[in-house]
Amino acid sequence: MAMWKYGLALTLLVVGVVEIVLALHRGLREAVMQASPLRFKHGESATFLLAGVSALVTGIAILLYGLFL
């Protein structure tokens, strides 16, 4: 029953790391976003960084939920 927690947390951690890498690596971000129909070049890096940090924190919180209760 509790295995879904680890799957979700792992998925969020991987997504968070990928988004942070995209935020910090301009060339890779440009290559990935080239096919995107909607582009917001001014805030792409900050958006990826915020989404990545949010996914990482959520994944860690899911893993640690119940540990301190």
PDB file of N, CA and C in Angstrom:
ATOM      1  N   MET A   1       0.821  -1.203   0.000  1.00  0.00           N
ATOM      2  CA  MET A   1       0.000   0.000   0.000  1.00  0.00           C
ATOM      3  C   MET A   1       0.862   1.263   0.000  1.00  0.00           C
ATOM      4  N   ALA A   2       1.966   1.235   0.702  1.00  0.00           N
ATOM      5  CA  ALA A   2       2.792   2.432   0.822  1.00  0.00           C
ATOM      6  C   ALA A   2       3.832   2.551  -0.295  1.00  0.00           C
ATOM      7  N   MET A   3       3.865   1.606  -1.219  1.00  0.00           N
ATOM      8  CA  MET A   3       4.851   1.669  -2.298  1.00  0.00           C
ATOM      9  C   MET A   3       4.571   2.810  -3.268  1.00  0.00           C
ATOM     10  N   TRP A   4       3.316   3.238  -3.381  1.00  0.00           N
ATOM     11  CA  TRP A   4       2.992   4.348  -4.275  1.00  0.00           C
ATOM     12  C   TRP A   4       3.739   5.600  -3.837  1.00  0.00           C
ATOM     13  N   LYS A   5       3.948   5.711  -2.526  1.00  0.00           N
ATOM     14  CA  LYS A   5       4.635   6.879  -1.977  1.00  0.00           C
ATOM     15  C   LYS A   5       6.052   6.977  -2.526  1.00  0.00           C
ATOM     16  N   TYR A   6       6.752   5.865  -2.579  1.00  0.00           N
ATOM     17  CA  TYR A   6       8.124   5.883  -3.069  1.00  0.00           C
ATOM     18  C   TYR A   6       8.182   6.118  -4.573  1.00  0.00           C
ATOM     19  N   GLY A   7       7.241   5.561  -5.303  1.00  0.00           N
ATOM     20  CA  GLY A   7       7.182   5.799  -6.745  1.00  0.00           C
ATOM     21  C   GLY A   7       6.925   7.253  -7.072  1.00  0.00           C
ATOM     22  N   LEU A   8       5.976   7.859  -6.377  1.00  0.00           N
ATOM     23  CA  LEU A   8       5.668   9.268  -6.586  1.00  0.00           C
ATOM     24  C   LEU A   8       6.838  10.154  -6.178  1.00  0.00           C
ATOM     25  N   ALA A   9       7.442   9.859  -5.048  1.00  0.00           N
ATOM     26  CA  ALA A   9       8.575  10.654  -4.578  1.00  0.00           C
ATOM     27  C   ALA A   9       9.747  10.551  -5.548  1.00  0.00           C
ATOM     28  N   LEU A  10      10.036   9.344  -6.051  1.00  0.00           N
ATOM     29  CA  LEU A  10      11.124   9.173  -7.002  1.00  0.00           C
ATOM     30  C   LEU A  10      10.844   9.932  -8.294  1.00  0.00           C
ATOM     31  N   THR A  11       9.613   9.870  -8.771  1.00  0.00           N
ATOM     32  CA  THR A  11       9.243  10.592  -9.984  1.00  0.00           C
ATOM     33  C   THR A  11       9.424  12.091  -9.796  1.00  0.00           C
ATOM     34  N   LEU A  12       8.970  12.624  -8.678  1.00  0.00           N
ATOM     35  CA  LEU A  12       9.120  14.047  -8.411  1.00  0.00           C
ATOM     36  C   LEU A  12      10.582  14.457  -8.272  1.00  0.00           C
ATOM     37  N   LEU A  13      11.385  13.619  -7.654  1.00  0.00           N
ATOM     38  CA  LEU A  13      12.806  13.937  -7.510  1.00  0.00           C
ATOM     39  C   LEU A  13      13.501  13.959  -8.875  1.00  0.00           C
ATOM     40  N   VAL A  14      13.184  12.995  -9.726  1.00  0.00           N
ATOM     41  CA  VAL A  14      13.791  12.959 -11.064  1.00  0.00           C
ATOM     42  C   VAL A  14      13.347  14.169 -11.886  1.00  0.00           C
ATOM     43  N   VAL A  15      12.052  14.484 -11.856  1.00  0.00           N
ATOM     44  CA  VAL A  15      11.545  15.645 -12.586  1.00  0.00           C
ATOM     45  C   VAL A  15      12.193  16.923 -12.064  1.00  0.00           C
ATOM     46  N   GLY A  16      12.337  17.032 -10.758  1.00  0.00           N
ATOM     47  CA  GLY A  16      12.975  18.210 -10.168  1.00  0.00           C
ATOM     48  C   GLY A  16      14.411  18.383 -10.619  1.00  0.00           C
ATOM     49  N   VAL A  17      15.164  17.298 -10.635  1.00  0.00           N
ATOM     50  CA  VAL A  17      16.566  17.369 -11.060  1.00  0.00           C
ATOM     51  C   VAL A  17      16.653  17.746 -12.539  1.00  0.00           C
ATOM     52  N   VAL A  18      15.795  17.147 -13.375  1.00  0.00           N
ATOM     53  CA  VAL A  18      15.808  17.464 -14.808  1.00  0.00           C
ATOM     54  C   VAL A  18      15.468  18.936 -15.032  1.00  0.00           C
ATOM     55  N   GLU A  19      14.481  19.451 -14.320  1.00  0.00           N
ATOM     56  CA  GLU A  19      14.103  20.849 -14.503  1.00  0.00           C
ATOM     57  C   GLU A  19      15.199  21.804 -14.022  1.00  0.00           C
ATOM     58  N   ILE A  20      15.876  21.463 -12.954  1.00  0.00           N
ATOM     59  CA  ILE A  20      16.972  22.315 -12.482  1.00  0.00           C
ATOM     60  C   ILE A  20      18.131  22.289 -13.474  1.00  0.00           C
ATOM     61  N   VAL A  21      18.412  21.119 -14.041  1.00  0.00           N
ATOM     62  CA  VAL A  21      19.455  21.033 -15.075  1.00  0.00           C
ATOM     63  C   VAL A  21      19.070  21.887 -16.283  1.00  0.00           C
ATOM     64  N   LEU A  22      17.798  21.823 -16.686  1.00  0.00           N
ATOM     65  CA  LEU A  22      17.342  22.654 -17.803  1.00  0.00           C
ATOM     66  C   LEU A  22      17.438  24.141 -17.469  1.00  0.00           C
ATOM     67  N   ALA A  23      17.185  24.490 -16.228  1.00  0.00           N
ATOM     68  CA  ALA A  23      17.267  25.895 -15.837  1.00  0.00           C
ATOM     69  C   ALA A  23      18.701  26.413 -15.887  1.00  0.00           C
ATOM     70  N   LEU A  24      19.645  25.560 -15.570  1.00  0.00           N
ATOM     71  CA  LEU A  24      21.037  25.999 -15.478  1.00  0.00           C
ATOM     72  C   LEU A  24      21.828  25.809 -16.766  1.00  0.00           C
ATOM     73  N   HIS A  25      21.343  24.979 -17.683  1.00  0.00           N
ATOM     74  CA  HIS A  25      22.073  24.688 -18.925  1.00  0.00           C
ATOM     75  C   HIS A  25      21.319  25.284 -20.104  1.00  0.00           C
ATOM     76  N   ARG A  26      21.772  26.435 -20.556  1.00  0.00           N
ATOM     77  CA  ARG A  26      21.055  27.200 -21.575  1.00  0.00           C
ATOM     78  C   ARG A  26      20.932  26.451 -22.906  1.00  0.00           C
ATOM     79  N   GLY A  27      21.993  25.826 -23.354  1.00  0.00           N
ATOM     80  CA  GLY A  27      21.971  25.129 -24.632  1.00  0.00           C
ATOM     81  C   GLY A  27      20.994  23.969 -24.650  1.00  0.00           C
ATOM     82  N   LEU A  28      20.977  23.204 -23.582  1.00  0.00           N
ATOM     83  CA  LEU A  28      20.053  22.072 -23.477  1.00  0.00           C
ATOM     84  C   LEU A  28      18.615  22.565 -23.396  1.00  0.00           C
ATOM     85  N   ARG A  29      18.382  23.646 -22.645  1.00  0.00           N
ATOM     86  CA  ARG A  29      17.042  24.218 -22.535  1.00  0.00           C
ATOM     87  C   ARG A  29      16.549  24.707 -23.890  1.00  0.00           C
ATOM     88  N   GLU A  30      17.418  25.365 -24.638  1.00  0.00           N
ATOM     89  CA  GLU A  30      17.036  25.844 -25.966  1.00  0.00           C
ATOM     90  C   GLU A  30      16.678  24.679 -26.880  1.00  0.00           C
ATOM     91  N   ALA A  31      17.445  23.591 -26.814  1.00  0.00           N
ATOM     92  CA  ALA A  31      17.181  22.429 -27.660  1.00  0.00           C
ATOM     93  C   ALA A  31      15.847  21.772 -27.305  1.00  0.00           C
ATOM     94  N   VAL A  32      15.549  21.678 -26.030  1.00  0.00           N
ATOM     95  CA  VAL A  32      14.296  21.049 -25.605  1.00  0.00           C
ATOM     96  C   VAL A  32      13.104  21.944 -25.921  1.00  0.00           C
ATOM     97  N   MET A  33      13.246  23.243 -25.716  1.00  0.00           N
ATOM     98  CA  MET A  33      12.124  24.159 -25.902  1.00  0.00           C
ATOM     99  C   MET A  33      11.924  24.586 -27.349  1.00  0.00           C
ATOM    100  N   GLN A  34      12.781  24.139 -28.255  1.00  0.00           N
ATOM    101  CA  GLN A  34      12.665  24.512 -29.651  1.00  0.00           C
ATOM    102  C   GLN A  34      11.347  24.050 -30.256  1.00  0.00           C
ATOM    103  N   ALA A  35      10.854  22.905 -29.838  1.00  0.00           N
ATOM    104  CA  ALA A  35       9.614  22.354 -30.386  1.00  0.00           C
ATOM    105  C   ALA A  35       8.376  22.845 -29.651  1.00  0.00           C
ATOM    106  N   SER A  36       8.547  23.642 -28.641  1.00  0.00           N
ATOM    107  CA  SER A  36       7.415  24.121 -27.856  1.00  0.00           C
ATOM    108  C   SER A  36       6.630  25.188 -28.631  1.00  0.00           C
ATOM    109  N   PRO A  37       5.310  25.039 -28.715  1.00  0.00           N
ATOM    110  CA  PRO A  37       4.529  26.041 -29.438  1.00  0.00           C
ATOM    111  C   PRO A  37       4.431  27.374 -28.693  1.00  0.00           C
ATOM    112  N   LEU A  38       4.513  27.342 -27.380  1.00  0.00           N
ATOM    113  CA  LEU A  38       4.461  28.555 -26.570  1.00  0.00           C
ATOM    114  C   LEU A  38       5.803  28.754 -25.891  1.00  0.00           C
ATOM    115  N   ARG A  39       6.423  29.876 -26.147  1.00  0.00           N
ATOM    116  CA  ARG A  39       7.725  30.161 -25.548  1.00  0.00           C
ATOM    117  C   ARG A  39       7.676  31.494 -24.831  1.00  0.00           C
ATOM    118  N   PHE A  40       8.263  31.514 -23.659  1.00  0.00           N
ATOM    119  CA  PHE A  40       8.378  32.733 -22.877  1.00  0.00           C
ATOM    120  C   PHE A  40       9.849  32.861 -22.507  1.00  0.00           C
ATOM    121  N   LYS A  41      10.656  33.337 -23.451  1.00  0.00           N
ATOM    122  CA  LYS A  41      12.109  33.337 -23.304  1.00  0.00           C
ATOM    123  C   LYS A  41      12.600  34.158 -22.111  1.00  0.00           C
ATOM    124  N   HIS A  42      11.851  35.189 -21.753  1.00  0.00           N
ATOM    125  CA  HIS A  42      12.315  36.078 -20.689  1.00  0.00           C
ATOM    126  C   HIS A  42      12.418  35.358 -19.342  1.00  0.00           C
ATOM    127  N   GLY A  43      11.457  34.509 -19.038  1.00  0.00           N
ATOM    128  CA  GLY A  43      11.446  33.883 -17.717  1.00  0.00           C
ATOM    129  C   GLY A  43      11.575  32.382 -17.722  1.00  0.00           C
ATOM    130  N   GLU A  44      12.063  31.797 -18.826  1.00  0.00           N
ATOM    131  CA  GLU A  44      12.160  30.336 -18.898  1.00  0.00           C
ATOM    132  C   GLU A  44      13.057  29.759 -17.819  1.00  0.00           C
ATOM    133  N   SER A  45      14.215  30.335 -17.638  1.00  0.00           N
ATOM    134  CA  SER A  45      15.174  29.799 -16.677  1.00  0.00           C
ATOM    135  C   SER A  45      14.623  29.855 -15.252  1.00  0.00           C
ATOM    136  N   ALA A  46      14.054  30.985 -14.904  1.00  0.00           N
ATOM    137  CA  ALA A  46      13.505  31.122 -13.552  1.00  0.00           C
ATOM    138  C   ALA A  46      12.316  30.192 -13.340  1.00  0.00           C
ATOM    139  N   THR A  47      11.516  30.006 -14.376  1.00  0.00           N
ATOM    140  CA  THR A  47      10.360  29.118 -14.263  1.00  0.00           C
ATOM    141  C   THR A  47      10.801  27.679 -14.069  1.00  0.00           C
ATOM    142  N   PHE A  48      11.784  27.232 -14.853  1.00  0.00           N
ATOM    143  CA  PHE A  48      12.299  25.874 -14.691  1.00  0.00           C
ATOM    144  C   PHE A  48      12.932  25.694 -13.318  1.00  0.00           C
ATOM    145  N   LEU A  49      13.657  26.686 -12.852  1.00  0.00           N
ATOM    146  CA  LEU A  49      14.290  26.586 -11.541  1.00  0.00           C
ATOM    147  C   LEU A  49      13.250  26.503 -10.434  1.00  0.00           C
ATOM    148  N   LEU A  50      12.235  27.333 -10.487  1.00  0.00           N
ATOM    149  CA  LEU A  50      11.179  27.304  -9.481  1.00  0.00           C
ATOM    150  C   LEU A  50      10.428  25.977  -9.501  1.00  0.00           C
ATOM    151  N   ALA A  51      10.098  25.492 -10.693  1.00  0.00           N
ATOM    152  CA  ALA A  51       9.390  24.214 -10.802  1.00  0.00           C
ATOM    153  C   ALA A  51      10.265  23.061 -10.317  1.00  0.00           C
ATOM    154  N   GLY A  52      11.551  23.110 -10.619  1.00  0.00           N
ATOM    155  CA  GLY A  52      12.462  22.058 -10.178  1.00  0.00           C
ATOM    156  C   GLY A  52      12.620  22.013  -8.676  1.00  0.00           C
ATOM    157  N   VAL A  53      12.799  23.169  -8.074  1.00  0.00           N
ATOM    158  CA  VAL A  53      12.931  23.225  -6.610  1.00  0.00           C
ATOM    159  C   VAL A  53      11.630  22.778  -5.948  1.00  0.00           C
ATOM    160  N   SER A  54      10.506  23.184  -6.511  1.00  0.00           N
ATOM    161  CA  SER A  54       9.213  22.779  -5.977  1.00  0.00           C
ATOM    162  C   SER A  54       9.031  21.264  -6.046  1.00  0.00           C
ATOM    163  N   ALA A  55       9.405  20.649  -7.168  1.00  0.00           N
ATOM    164  CA  ALA A  55       9.283  19.201  -7.310  1.00  0.00           C
ATOM    165  C   ALA A  55      10.215  18.476  -6.343  1.00  0.00           C
ATOM    166  N   LEU A  56      11.433  18.983  -6.179  1.00  0.00           N
ATOM    167  CA  LEU A  56      12.366  18.365  -5.235  1.00  0.00           C
ATOM    168  C   LEU A  56      11.854  18.435  -3.802  1.00  0.00           C
ATOM    169  N   VAL A  57      11.382  19.587  -3.405  1.00  0.00           N
ATOM    170  CA  VAL A  57      10.878  19.754  -2.036  1.00  0.00           C
ATOM    171  C   VAL A  57       9.654  18.873  -1.806  1.00  0.00           C
ATOM    172  N   THR A  58       8.770  18.787  -2.783  1.00  0.00           N
ATOM    173  CA  THR A  58       7.585  17.948  -2.648  1.00  0.00           C
ATOM    174  C   THR A  58       7.973  16.476  -2.551  1.00  0.00           C
ATOM    175  N   GLY A  59       8.926  16.043  -3.377  1.00  0.00           N
ATOM    176  CA  GLY A  59       9.384  14.652  -3.315  1.00  0.00           C
ATOM    177  C   GLY A  59      10.015  14.308  -1.979  1.00  0.00           C
ATOM    178  N   ILE A  60      10.828  15.202  -1.461  1.00  0.00           N
ATOM    179  CA  ILE A  60      11.452  14.976  -0.152  1.00  0.00           C
ATOM    180  C   ILE A  60      10.399  14.980   0.952  1.00  0.00           C
ATOM    181  N   ALA A  61       9.430  15.877   0.846  1.00  0.00           N
ATOM    182  CA  ALA A  61       8.362  15.929   1.856  1.00  0.00           C
ATOM    183  C   ALA A  61       7.539  14.659   1.855  1.00  0.00           C
ATOM    184  N   ILE A  62       7.275  14.094   0.676  1.00  0.00           N
ATOM    185  CA  ILE A  62       6.528  12.839   0.616  1.00  0.00           C
ATOM    186  C   ILE A  62       7.319  11.721   1.269  1.00  0.00           C
ATOM    187  N   LEU A  63       8.617  11.685   1.030  1.00  0.00           N
ATOM    188  CA  LEU A  63       9.453  10.649   1.651  1.00  0.00           C
ATOM    189  C   LEU A  63       9.509  10.795   3.164  1.00  0.00           C
ATOM    190  N   LEU A  64       9.561  12.018   3.654  1.00  0.00           N
ATOM    191  CA  LEU A  64       9.721  12.255   5.080  1.00  0.00           C
ATOM    192  C   LEU A  64       8.406  12.367   5.842  1.00  0.00           C
ATOM    193  N   TYR A  65       7.280  12.368   5.111  1.00  0.00           N
ATOM    194  CA  TYR A  65       5.973  12.506   5.772  1.00  0.00           C
ATOM    195  C   TYR A  65       5.755  11.337   6.724  1.00  0.00           C
ATOM    196  N   GLY A  66       5.387  11.628   7.914  1.00  0.00           N
ATOM    197  CA  GLY A  66       5.137  10.592   8.910  1.00  0.00           C
ATOM    198  C   GLY A  66       6.360  10.253   9.747  1.00  0.00           C
ATOM    199  N   LEU A  67       7.524  10.663   9.299  1.00  0.00           N
ATOM    200  CA  LEU A  67       8.749  10.366  10.037  1.00  0.00           C
ATOM    201  C   LEU A  67       8.820  11.157  11.340  1.00  0.00           C
ATOM    202  N   PHE A  68       8.315  12.395  11.296  1.00  0.00           N
ATOM    203  CA  PHE A  68       8.402  13.257  12.469  1.00  0.00           C
ATOM    204  C   PHE A  68       7.075  13.418  13.183  1.00  0.00           C
ATOM    205  N   LEU A  69       6.070  12.683  12.786  1.00  0.00           N
ATOM    206  CA  LEU A  69       4.765  12.797  13.448  1.00  0.00           C
ATOM    207  C   LEU A  69       4.666  11.861  14.623  1.00  0.00           C
TER     208      LEU A  69
END
